[in-house]
Structures are given as structure tokens and as C-alpha cells.
Amino acid sequence: MAITSLTAANCVFTLAVTGLFPPVRLQGFATDDVFATNAMASAEAQMGVDGKLSAGFVYVPVEQSITLQGDSISNDIFDTWWRSQTTAAELFPAVGLIVVPAIRKQYAMNKGFLTSFPPLPDAKKLLQPRKFGITWESINPSTL
């Protein structure tokens, strides 16, 4: 079956937070900014004083942003996650799964922590989207 559309509209993002939520489907994504990851450094390189390059593999965390409309019901998940961490003075790790039918892929996210949290939507003519940050230990792709 050929890919006929690269739409993000049919992506499914589920998130589970240990001790707080079983897997729940996130809903109410922003129009032009659903989720994104930063590029990862795949190696660390050092140039010696004699001009010889040395390099090695290094593990690096994966930073992801998730952007929800100001009125998304899924904002409550992040609000509860943040409030629980603040109350307990402890972190609650998450796992996630993104299914992307357009490219017949899914991405399993392992051991993530809420590392960026806007406490409320910016208020302009309309309430603005909120962008949350999760730092993952790993994101692993597989074919559907």
C-alpha cells in the first residue's frame, strides 16, 4: 500500500506516567506544532593538538516538545504530573508511544521526565498553545 498522505492528523500519541496515569491518548494538539524532537549528537569528537581526530559513541538524552491547544483536555495530564512532582518533591517517569500511520512507523519512548512546563496558556485574542518538554532516555522506531 503506497503512502497517500503525510498528514499528522491521524498520529496517535499515548503517554503513561508511573504512579499517576495508565496509558492515555493525548488530544487537542496545536495546529502547526504537534510534537518535535531536537537533533541528537551521535558521537563526540575531539581534535588532538597534532591534528588527529578521535571520536566515540556517547549516549545522549532525547528532548521532545509536545504542543497542546490552550483548551486541550490533555493539559490536565501535564498539570497533574507537574503538581504531583511538586507535592512529592520526586520525579514520576513516563513511557510513551507514537503511532504514525502515514509512514507506517511507531516510536516507543522510554523513561521520560517532564523537564519543561508552562504553568498556564499565554492569553492573547485567543488562549495560546502550551508547549511541554519531556526528556527521554531513548526513542526507538519500529515498522507497523
N, C-alpha and C. Protein backbone atom coordinates (compact mmCIF):
# COMPACT_ATOMS: atom_id res chain seq x y z
N MET A 1 0.84 -1.18 0.00
CA MET A 1 0.00 0.00 0.00
C MET A 1 0.89 1.24 0.00
N ALA A 2 0.69 2.13 -0.93
CA ALA A 2 1.50 3.34 -1.05
C ALA A 2 1.03 4.40 -0.07
N ILE A 3 1.96 5.21 0.37
CA ILE A 3 1.62 6.34 1.22
C ILE A 3 0.89 7.36 0.37
N THR A 4 -0.27 7.78 0.83
CA THR A 4 -1.04 8.75 0.06
C THR A 4 -1.08 10.11 0.72
N SER A 5 -0.65 10.20 1.97
CA SER A 5 -0.71 11.46 2.69
C SER A 5 0.34 11.46 3.79
N LEU A 6 0.91 12.61 4.03
CA LEU A 6 1.86 12.76 5.13
C LEU A 6 1.23 13.51 6.29
N THR A 7 -0.08 13.42 6.41
CA THR A 7 -0.77 14.15 7.46
C THR A 7 -0.33 13.69 8.85
N ALA A 8 -0.28 14.63 9.77
CA ALA A 8 -0.04 14.31 11.18
C ALA A 8 -1.36 14.17 11.93
N ALA A 9 -2.47 14.44 11.23
CA ALA A 9 -3.78 14.43 11.88
C ALA A 9 -4.17 13.07 12.43
N ASN A 10 -3.63 11.99 11.85
CA ASN A 10 -4.02 10.66 12.32
C ASN A 10 -2.96 10.01 13.22
N CYS A 11 -1.97 10.78 13.66
CA CYS A 11 -0.99 10.25 14.62
C CYS A 11 -1.69 10.01 15.97
N VAL A 12 -1.24 8.97 16.65
CA VAL A 12 -1.77 8.68 17.98
C VAL A 12 -0.60 8.70 18.95
N PHE A 13 -0.71 9.52 19.98
CA PHE A 13 0.34 9.68 20.99
C PHE A 13 -0.25 9.25 22.32
N THR A 14 0.28 8.17 22.89
CA THR A 14 -0.16 7.74 24.22
C THR A 14 0.99 7.93 25.19
N LEU A 15 0.62 8.27 26.42
CA LEU A 15 1.59 8.56 27.46
C LEU A 15 1.12 7.91 28.75
N ALA A 16 2.03 7.26 29.45
CA ALA A 16 1.74 6.68 30.76
C ALA A 16 2.77 7.22 31.74
N VAL A 17 2.32 7.64 32.91
CA VAL A 17 3.21 8.17 33.94
C VAL A 17 3.12 7.26 35.16
N THR A 18 4.25 6.67 35.53
CA THR A 18 4.30 5.72 36.64
C THR A 18 3.71 6.32 37.90
N GLY A 19 2.76 5.62 38.49
CA GLY A 19 2.13 6.05 39.73
C GLY A 19 1.05 7.09 39.56
N LEU A 20 0.84 7.58 38.33
CA LEU A 20 -0.17 8.62 38.11
C LEU A 20 -1.21 8.25 37.06
N PHE A 21 -0.77 7.79 35.89
CA PHE A 21 -1.68 7.53 34.78
C PHE A 21 -1.34 6.23 34.07
N PRO A 22 -2.35 5.43 33.75
CA PRO A 22 -2.13 4.33 32.80
C PRO A 22 -1.97 4.99 31.42
N PRO A 23 -1.70 4.24 30.37
CA PRO A 23 -1.59 4.87 29.06
C PRO A 23 -2.86 5.66 28.70
N VAL A 24 -2.68 6.94 28.39
CA VAL A 24 -3.77 7.81 27.97
C VAL A 24 -3.40 8.44 26.64
N ARG A 25 -4.40 8.64 25.81
CA ARG A 25 -4.18 9.24 24.49
C ARG A 25 -4.22 10.76 24.63
N LEU A 26 -3.15 11.41 24.18
CA LEU A 26 -3.13 12.87 24.19
C LEU A 26 -4.02 13.38 23.06
N GLN A 27 -4.72 14.48 23.34
CA GLN A 27 -5.66 15.06 22.39
C GLN A 27 -5.56 16.57 22.41
N GLY A 28 -6.01 17.20 21.35
CA GLY A 28 -6.07 18.66 21.30
C GLY A 28 -4.73 19.29 20.99
N PHE A 29 -4.02 18.74 20.01
CA PHE A 29 -2.72 19.28 19.63
C PHE A 29 -2.87 20.63 18.92
N ALA A 30 -1.82 21.43 18.97
CA ALA A 30 -1.81 22.71 18.28
C ALA A 30 -1.84 22.50 16.77
N THR A 31 -2.23 23.52 16.06
CA THR A 31 -2.41 23.43 14.62
C THR A 31 -1.12 23.15 13.87
N ASP A 32 -0.10 23.93 14.12
CA ASP A 32 1.13 23.83 13.33
C ASP A 32 2.31 23.28 14.11
N ASP A 33 2.08 22.78 15.29
CA ASP A 33 3.18 22.34 16.13
C ASP A 33 2.68 21.23 17.05
N VAL A 34 2.71 20.00 16.59
CA VAL A 34 2.15 18.88 17.34
C VAL A 34 3.18 18.35 18.34
N PHE A 35 4.25 17.77 17.84
CA PHE A 35 5.36 17.34 18.69
C PHE A 35 6.64 17.42 17.87
N ALA A 36 7.76 17.55 18.55
CA ALA A 36 9.05 17.66 17.87
C ALA A 36 10.14 17.12 18.78
N THR A 37 11.23 16.69 18.17
CA THR A 37 12.41 16.28 18.93
C THR A 37 13.61 17.08 18.43
N ASN A 38 14.53 17.34 19.34
CA ASN A 38 15.77 18.00 18.96
C ASN A 38 16.72 16.98 18.35
N ALA A 39 17.58 17.44 17.46
CA ALA A 39 18.60 16.56 16.90
C ALA A 39 19.52 16.10 18.02
N MET A 40 19.95 14.85 17.93
CA MET A 40 20.82 14.26 18.95
C MET A 40 22.26 14.22 18.43
N ALA A 41 23.20 14.40 19.34
CA ALA A 41 24.61 14.21 18.98
C ALA A 41 24.86 12.71 18.93
N SER A 42 25.33 12.22 17.79
CA SER A 42 25.53 10.78 17.66
C SER A 42 26.94 10.33 18.03
N ALA A 43 27.82 11.29 18.20
CA ALA A 43 29.20 10.98 18.57
C ALA A 43 29.81 12.23 19.19
N GLU A 44 30.88 12.02 19.92
CA GLU A 44 31.65 13.13 20.43
C GLU A 44 33.03 13.05 19.81
N ALA A 45 33.48 14.17 19.26
CA ALA A 45 34.77 14.19 18.58
C ALA A 45 35.69 15.20 19.23
N GLN A 46 36.97 14.87 19.25
CA GLN A 46 37.99 15.76 19.78
C GLN A 46 39.17 15.75 18.81
N MET A 47 39.68 16.94 18.54
CA MET A 47 40.84 17.05 17.69
C MET A 47 42.07 17.20 18.57
N GLY A 48 43.04 16.32 18.37
CA GLY A 48 44.28 16.40 19.13
C GLY A 48 45.14 17.56 18.65
N VAL A 49 46.10 17.97 19.48
CA VAL A 49 46.98 19.08 19.11
C VAL A 49 47.81 18.75 17.87
N ASP A 50 47.95 17.46 17.56
CA ASP A 50 48.71 17.06 16.38
C ASP A 50 47.83 16.92 15.13
N GLY A 51 46.56 17.33 15.23
CA GLY A 51 45.68 17.30 14.08
C GLY A 51 44.97 15.98 13.83
N LYS A 52 45.10 15.04 14.76
CA LYS A 52 44.43 13.74 14.61
C LYS A 52 43.07 13.80 15.32
N LEU A 53 42.08 13.35 14.61
CA LEU A 53 40.71 13.36 15.15
C LEU A 53 40.42 12.04 15.84
N SER A 54 39.87 12.12 17.02
CA SER A 54 39.40 10.96 17.77
C SER A 54 37.91 11.15 18.02
N ALA A 55 37.16 10.06 18.02
CA ALA A 55 35.72 10.16 18.25
C ALA A 55 35.22 8.92 18.93
N GLY A 56 34.08 9.05 19.58
CA GLY A 56 33.49 7.90 20.24
C GLY A 56 31.99 8.06 20.39
N PHE A 57 31.34 6.94 20.48
CA PHE A 57 29.89 6.92 20.71
C PHE A 57 29.60 7.39 22.12
N VAL A 58 28.55 8.18 22.28
CA VAL A 58 28.10 8.62 23.60
C VAL A 58 26.57 8.50 23.65
N TYR A 59 26.07 8.10 24.79
CA TYR A 59 24.63 8.10 25.00
C TYR A 59 24.19 9.52 25.30
N VAL A 60 23.09 9.93 24.72
CA VAL A 60 22.54 11.26 24.97
C VAL A 60 21.03 11.16 25.16
N PRO A 61 20.46 12.00 26.00
CA PRO A 61 19.01 12.01 26.14
C PRO A 61 18.36 12.62 24.91
N VAL A 62 17.07 12.34 24.73
CA VAL A 62 16.30 12.87 23.61
C VAL A 62 15.29 13.87 24.16
N GLU A 63 15.39 15.11 23.71
CA GLU A 63 14.45 16.14 24.16
C GLU A 63 13.29 16.24 23.18
N GLN A 64 12.08 16.21 23.74
CA GLN A 64 10.88 16.27 22.91
C GLN A 64 9.97 17.36 23.44
N SER A 65 9.34 18.08 22.53
CA SER A 65 8.31 19.04 22.91
C SER A 65 6.96 18.55 22.39
N ILE A 66 5.94 18.82 23.18
CA ILE A 66 4.57 18.45 22.83
C ILE A 66 3.74 19.72 22.99
N THR A 67 3.03 20.12 21.95
CA THR A 67 2.30 21.38 21.98
C THR A 67 0.80 21.12 21.91
N LEU A 68 0.10 21.59 22.93
CA LEU A 68 -1.35 21.38 23.04
C LEU A 68 -2.07 22.71 22.99
N GLN A 69 -3.23 22.73 22.36
CA GLN A 69 -4.07 23.92 22.34
C GLN A 69 -4.34 24.37 23.78
N GLY A 70 -4.61 25.64 23.96
CA GLY A 70 -4.88 26.18 25.29
C GLY A 70 -6.05 25.52 25.98
N ASP A 71 -7.01 24.99 25.21
CA ASP A 71 -8.19 24.36 25.80
C ASP A 71 -8.17 22.83 25.71
N SER A 72 -7.02 22.25 25.39
CA SER A 72 -6.93 20.79 25.28
C SER A 72 -7.18 20.11 26.63
N ILE A 73 -7.99 19.05 26.63
CA ILE A 73 -8.22 18.31 27.88
C ILE A 73 -6.94 17.61 28.33
N SER A 74 -5.99 17.40 27.41
CA SER A 74 -4.75 16.73 27.79
C SER A 74 -3.81 17.64 28.59
N ASN A 75 -4.08 18.94 28.63
CA ASN A 75 -3.31 19.82 29.51
C ASN A 75 -3.42 19.35 30.95
N ASP A 76 -4.58 18.77 31.31
CA ASP A 76 -4.78 18.29 32.68
C ASP A 76 -3.77 17.20 33.06
N ILE A 77 -3.36 16.39 32.08
CA ILE A 77 -2.38 15.34 32.35
C ILE A 77 -1.07 15.97 32.79
N PHE A 78 -0.61 16.97 32.06
CA PHE A 78 0.64 17.63 32.38
C PHE A 78 0.53 18.45 33.67
N ASP A 79 -0.63 19.10 33.88
CA ASP A 79 -0.83 19.84 35.13
C ASP A 79 -0.75 18.90 36.34
N THR A 80 -1.39 17.74 36.24
CA THR A 80 -1.36 16.76 37.34
C THR A 80 0.04 16.20 37.54
N TRP A 81 0.72 15.91 36.45
CA TRP A 81 2.09 15.39 36.52
C TRP A 81 2.98 16.39 37.25
N TRP A 82 2.92 17.65 36.84
CA TRP A 82 3.74 18.70 37.46
C TRP A 82 3.37 18.89 38.93
N ARG A 83 2.08 18.97 39.22
CA ARG A 83 1.63 19.18 40.60
C ARG A 83 2.04 18.02 41.48
N SER A 84 1.97 16.80 40.98
CA SER A 84 2.37 15.62 41.75
C SER A 84 3.87 15.65 42.06
N GLN A 85 4.67 16.04 41.07
CA GLN A 85 6.11 16.13 41.29
C GLN A 85 6.43 17.21 42.33
N THR A 86 5.75 18.33 42.22
CA THR A 86 5.99 19.43 43.15
C THR A 86 5.58 19.05 44.57
N THR A 87 4.45 18.39 44.70
CA THR A 87 3.96 17.97 46.02
C THR A 87 4.86 16.93 46.65
N ALA A 88 5.28 15.96 45.86
CA ALA A 88 6.10 14.86 46.39
C ALA A 88 7.59 15.19 46.43
N ALA A 89 8.00 16.26 45.74
CA ALA A 89 9.41 16.58 45.58
C ALA A 89 10.17 15.37 45.02
N GLU A 90 9.50 14.67 44.12
CA GLU A 90 10.05 13.49 43.44
C GLU A 90 9.65 13.56 41.98
N LEU A 91 10.37 12.83 41.16
CA LEU A 91 10.02 12.75 39.75
C LEU A 91 9.23 11.47 39.47
N PHE A 92 8.30 11.57 38.53
CA PHE A 92 7.49 10.44 38.10
C PHE A 92 7.84 10.17 36.64
N PRO A 93 8.53 9.05 36.35
CA PRO A 93 8.92 8.76 34.97
C PRO A 93 7.74 8.33 34.11
N ALA A 94 7.89 8.55 32.82
CA ALA A 94 6.84 8.21 31.86
C ALA A 94 7.38 7.28 30.79
N VAL A 95 6.45 6.63 30.10
CA VAL A 95 6.74 5.92 28.85
C VAL A 95 5.71 6.42 27.85
N GLY A 96 6.04 6.32 26.58
CA GLY A 96 5.12 6.80 25.57
C GLY A 96 5.21 5.99 24.30
N LEU A 97 4.20 6.16 23.46
CA LEU A 97 4.17 5.51 22.15
C LEU A 97 3.50 6.46 21.17
N ILE A 98 4.17 6.68 20.05
CA ILE A 98 3.59 7.47 18.97
C ILE A 98 3.42 6.55 17.77
N VAL A 99 2.21 6.49 17.23
CA VAL A 99 1.92 5.72 16.03
C VAL A 99 1.70 6.74 14.90
N VAL A 100 2.45 6.56 13.79
CA VAL A 100 2.38 7.47 12.66
C VAL A 100 1.96 6.65 11.42
N PRO A 101 0.66 6.54 11.19
CA PRO A 101 0.18 5.72 10.07
C PRO A 101 0.71 6.16 8.70
N ALA A 102 0.92 7.44 8.49
CA ALA A 102 1.34 7.94 7.18
C ALA A 102 2.64 7.31 6.71
N ILE A 103 3.52 6.96 7.65
CA ILE A 103 4.79 6.34 7.25
C ILE A 103 4.93 4.92 7.81
N ARG A 104 3.82 4.39 8.33
CA ARG A 104 3.76 3.03 8.87
C ARG A 104 4.86 2.78 9.90
N LYS A 105 4.99 3.72 10.85
CA LYS A 105 6.00 3.62 11.90
C LYS A 105 5.36 3.87 13.25
N GLN A 106 6.03 3.32 14.26
CA GLN A 106 5.69 3.68 15.63
C GLN A 106 7.00 3.93 16.37
N TYR A 107 6.91 4.76 17.40
CA TYR A 107 8.08 5.16 18.15
C TYR A 107 7.79 4.94 19.63
N ALA A 108 8.58 4.07 20.25
CA ALA A 108 8.43 3.79 21.68
C ALA A 108 9.41 4.67 22.45
N MET A 109 8.88 5.45 23.38
CA MET A 109 9.71 6.33 24.21
C MET A 109 9.86 5.70 25.59
N ASN A 110 11.09 5.69 26.07
CA ASN A 110 11.41 5.04 27.34
C ASN A 110 11.95 6.02 28.36
N LYS A 111 11.50 5.86 29.59
CA LYS A 111 11.99 6.60 30.76
C LYS A 111 12.11 8.09 30.48
N GLY A 112 10.96 8.75 30.47
CA GLY A 112 10.93 10.18 30.22
C GLY A 112 10.56 10.97 31.46
N PHE A 113 11.10 12.17 31.54
CA PHE A 113 10.82 13.05 32.67
C PHE A 113 10.30 14.38 32.14
N LEU A 114 9.31 14.94 32.84
CA LEU A 114 8.78 16.25 32.50
C LEU A 114 9.83 17.29 32.87
N THR A 115 10.43 17.92 31.86
CA THR A 115 11.54 18.83 32.11
C THR A 115 11.23 20.28 31.72
N SER A 116 10.07 20.52 31.12
CA SER A 116 9.67 21.87 30.78
C SER A 116 8.15 21.96 30.90
N PHE A 117 7.69 22.96 31.66
CA PHE A 117 6.27 23.04 31.97
C PHE A 117 5.80 24.50 31.99
N PRO A 118 4.96 24.91 31.04
CA PRO A 118 4.35 26.25 31.12
C PRO A 118 3.13 26.17 32.03
N PRO A 119 3.09 26.93 33.10
CA PRO A 119 2.02 26.76 34.10
C PRO A 119 0.62 27.16 33.62
N LEU A 120 0.52 27.96 32.57
CA LEU A 120 -0.78 28.32 32.03
C LEU A 120 -0.59 28.79 30.60
N PRO A 121 -1.68 28.82 29.81
CA PRO A 121 -1.54 29.29 28.43
C PRO A 121 -1.36 30.81 28.40
N ASP A 122 -0.56 31.28 27.46
CA ASP A 122 -0.47 32.72 27.24
C ASP A 122 -1.83 33.20 26.75
N ALA A 123 -2.24 34.38 27.23
CA ALA A 123 -3.54 34.94 26.85
C ALA A 123 -3.33 36.08 25.86
N LYS A 124 -3.83 35.87 24.66
CA LYS A 124 -3.85 36.91 23.62
C LYS A 124 -5.30 37.04 23.19
N LYS A 125 -5.60 37.29 21.92
CA LYS A 125 -7.01 37.29 21.49
C LYS A 125 -7.63 35.94 21.80
N LEU A 126 -6.85 34.90 21.60
CA LEU A 126 -7.23 33.53 21.97
C LEU A 126 -6.19 33.00 22.93
N LEU A 127 -6.58 32.05 23.78
CA LEU A 127 -5.59 31.39 24.62
C LEU A 127 -4.62 30.65 23.71
N GLN A 128 -3.35 30.79 23.97
CA GLN A 128 -2.31 30.22 23.11
C GLN A 128 -1.97 28.79 23.51
N PRO A 129 -1.38 28.03 22.59
CA PRO A 129 -0.96 26.66 22.90
C PRO A 129 0.09 26.64 24.00
N ARG A 130 0.16 25.52 24.69
CA ARG A 130 1.17 25.29 25.73
C ARG A 130 2.14 24.23 25.22
N LYS A 131 3.44 24.50 25.37
CA LYS A 131 4.48 23.58 24.90
C LYS A 131 5.17 22.95 26.10
N PHE A 132 5.02 21.64 26.23
CA PHE A 132 5.61 20.87 27.32
C PHE A 132 6.87 20.17 26.83
N GLY A 133 7.83 19.97 27.72
CA GLY A 133 9.06 19.29 27.35
C GLY A 133 9.24 18.01 28.15
N ILE A 134 9.55 16.94 27.47
CA ILE A 134 9.89 15.67 28.10
C ILE A 134 11.28 15.28 27.60
N THR A 135 12.13 14.86 28.53
CA THR A 135 13.44 14.34 28.15
C THR A 135 13.41 12.84 28.32
N TRP A 136 13.65 12.11 27.21
CA TRP A 136 13.57 10.65 27.17
C TRP A 136 14.96 10.02 27.22
N GLU A 137 15.02 8.86 27.82
CA GLU A 137 16.25 8.06 27.79
C GLU A 137 16.50 7.56 26.36
N SER A 138 15.43 7.16 25.70
CA SER A 138 15.56 6.68 24.32
C SER A 138 14.22 6.75 23.62
N ILE A 139 14.28 6.85 22.28
CA ILE A 139 13.12 6.73 21.42
C ILE A 139 13.50 5.71 20.35
N ASN A 140 12.70 4.65 20.26
CA ASN A 140 13.03 3.53 19.38
C ASN A 140 11.96 3.33 18.32
N PRO A 141 12.32 3.46 17.04
CA PRO A 141 11.35 3.28 15.96
C PRO A 141 11.17 1.80 15.60
N SER A 142 9.99 1.49 15.09
CA SER A 142 9.74 0.17 14.52
C SER A 142 8.66 0.33 13.45
N THR A 143 8.57 -0.66 12.56
CA THR A 143 7.60 -0.63 11.48
C THR A 143 6.28 -1.22 11.95
N LEU A 144 5.18 -0.59 11.51
CA LEU A 144 3.86 -1.12 11.85
C LEU A 144 3.56 -2.36 11.05
